[in-house]
């Protein structure tokens, strides 16, 4: 998959997603730099939780305006708004 970054990465472990472009968008690239799985919560109309393995990244589709945050024992979880092409 080829991704096109639309915003700077921000640490959603430190604080919930705040970048206006990322909040308004529907696709995020989320990377867990921790050495343990990260729990990522997406506050869609019905909130959902996914776990991202240590050292992995994934594309997450969300509702426009939905907040996203992460919790881990330590380390950072980075999120950027993206577009993609298969």
Protein backbone atom coordinates (compact mmCIF):
# COMPACT_ATOMS: atom_id res chain seq x y z
CA UNK A 1 0.00 0.00 0.00
CA UNK A 2 1.23 3.49 -0.84
CA UNK A 3 0.25 6.22 1.62
CA UNK A 4 0.24 9.98 1.22
CA UNK A 5 0.80 11.83 4.53
CA UNK A 6 -1.61 14.73 5.01
CA UNK A 7 -0.51 15.88 8.49
CA UNK A 8 2.49 15.76 10.79
CA UNK A 9 2.66 12.81 13.17
CA UNK A 10 1.53 13.42 16.72
CA UNK A 11 1.93 11.27 19.81
CA UNK A 12 -1.56 10.01 20.74
CA UNK A 13 -0.11 8.23 23.78
CA UNK A 14 0.72 11.63 25.31
CA UNK A 15 -2.67 13.24 24.46
CA UNK A 16 -5.69 12.52 22.28
CA UNK A 17 -5.50 13.38 18.58
CA UNK A 18 -5.61 17.18 18.21
CA UNK A 19 -4.42 18.03 14.68
CA UNK A 20 -7.36 19.64 12.79
CA UNK A 21 -6.57 17.82 9.52
CA UNK A 22 -6.31 14.45 11.25
CA UNK A 23 -9.50 15.03 13.28
CA UNK A 24 -11.50 16.05 10.20
CA UNK A 25 -10.12 13.20 8.09
CA UNK A 26 -11.22 9.58 7.87
CA UNK A 27 -7.88 7.74 7.49
CA UNK A 28 -4.96 7.60 9.90
CA UNK A 29 -1.63 5.81 9.85
CA UNK A 30 -0.90 4.77 13.45
CA UNK A 31 2.51 3.44 14.52
CA UNK A 32 3.29 1.83 17.88
CA UNK A 33 6.94 2.45 18.80
CA UNK A 34 6.53 0.72 22.16
CA UNK A 35 7.92 -2.75 22.97
CA UNK A 36 4.43 -3.99 23.93
CA UNK A 37 1.02 -3.87 22.24
CA UNK A 38 -0.79 -0.52 22.29
CA UNK A 39 -4.51 -0.14 22.90
CA UNK A 40 -5.93 2.43 20.46
CA UNK A 41 -9.44 3.81 21.04
CA UNK A 42 -11.38 5.43 18.20
CA UNK A 43 -14.35 7.48 19.44
CA UNK A 44 -16.67 6.90 16.45
CA UNK A 45 -20.45 7.09 17.00
CA UNK A 46 -19.87 3.69 18.65
CA UNK A 47 -16.39 3.74 20.18
CA UNK A 48 -14.07 0.89 19.15
CA UNK A 49 -10.73 -0.37 20.42
CA UNK A 50 -7.95 -2.07 18.48
CA UNK A 51 -4.56 -3.32 19.59
CA UNK A 52 -1.45 -2.58 17.53
CA UNK A 53 1.47 -4.97 18.10
CA UNK A 54 4.84 -3.63 19.25
CA UNK A 55 6.79 -1.95 16.46
CA UNK A 56 3.91 -2.19 13.98
CA UNK A 57 1.81 0.34 12.07
CA UNK A 58 -1.63 0.16 10.50
CA UNK A 59 -4.15 2.25 8.62
CA UNK A 60 -7.30 3.00 10.61
CA UNK A 61 -10.52 4.35 9.13
CA UNK A 62 -12.52 6.58 11.46
CA UNK A 63 -15.52 8.89 11.39
CA UNK A 64 -14.76 12.56 10.62
CA UNK A 65 -14.28 14.38 13.93
CA UNK A 66 -13.74 11.19 15.95
CA UNK A 67 -11.08 11.51 18.64
CA UNK A 68 -8.34 8.87 18.80
CA UNK A 69 -6.05 8.06 21.68
CA UNK A 70 -3.73 5.29 22.81
CA UNK A 71 -2.59 3.69 26.02
CA UNK A 72 0.62 1.74 26.58
CA UNK A 73 2.88 1.05 29.52
CA UNK A 74 5.52 3.35 28.02
CA UNK A 75 6.75 4.58 24.67
CA UNK A 76 4.88 6.49 22.00
CA UNK A 77 2.06 5.84 19.55
CA UNK A 78 2.13 8.18 16.55
CA UNK A 79 -0.79 9.09 14.26
CA UNK A 80 -0.88 10.98 10.95
CA UNK A 81 -3.75 11.73 8.60
CA UNK A 82 -3.25 9.90 5.29
CA UNK A 83 -4.67 9.19 1.86
CA UNK A 84 -3.75 5.92 0.17
CA UNK A 85 -3.52 4.13 -3.14
CA UNK A 86 -3.56 0.36 -3.67
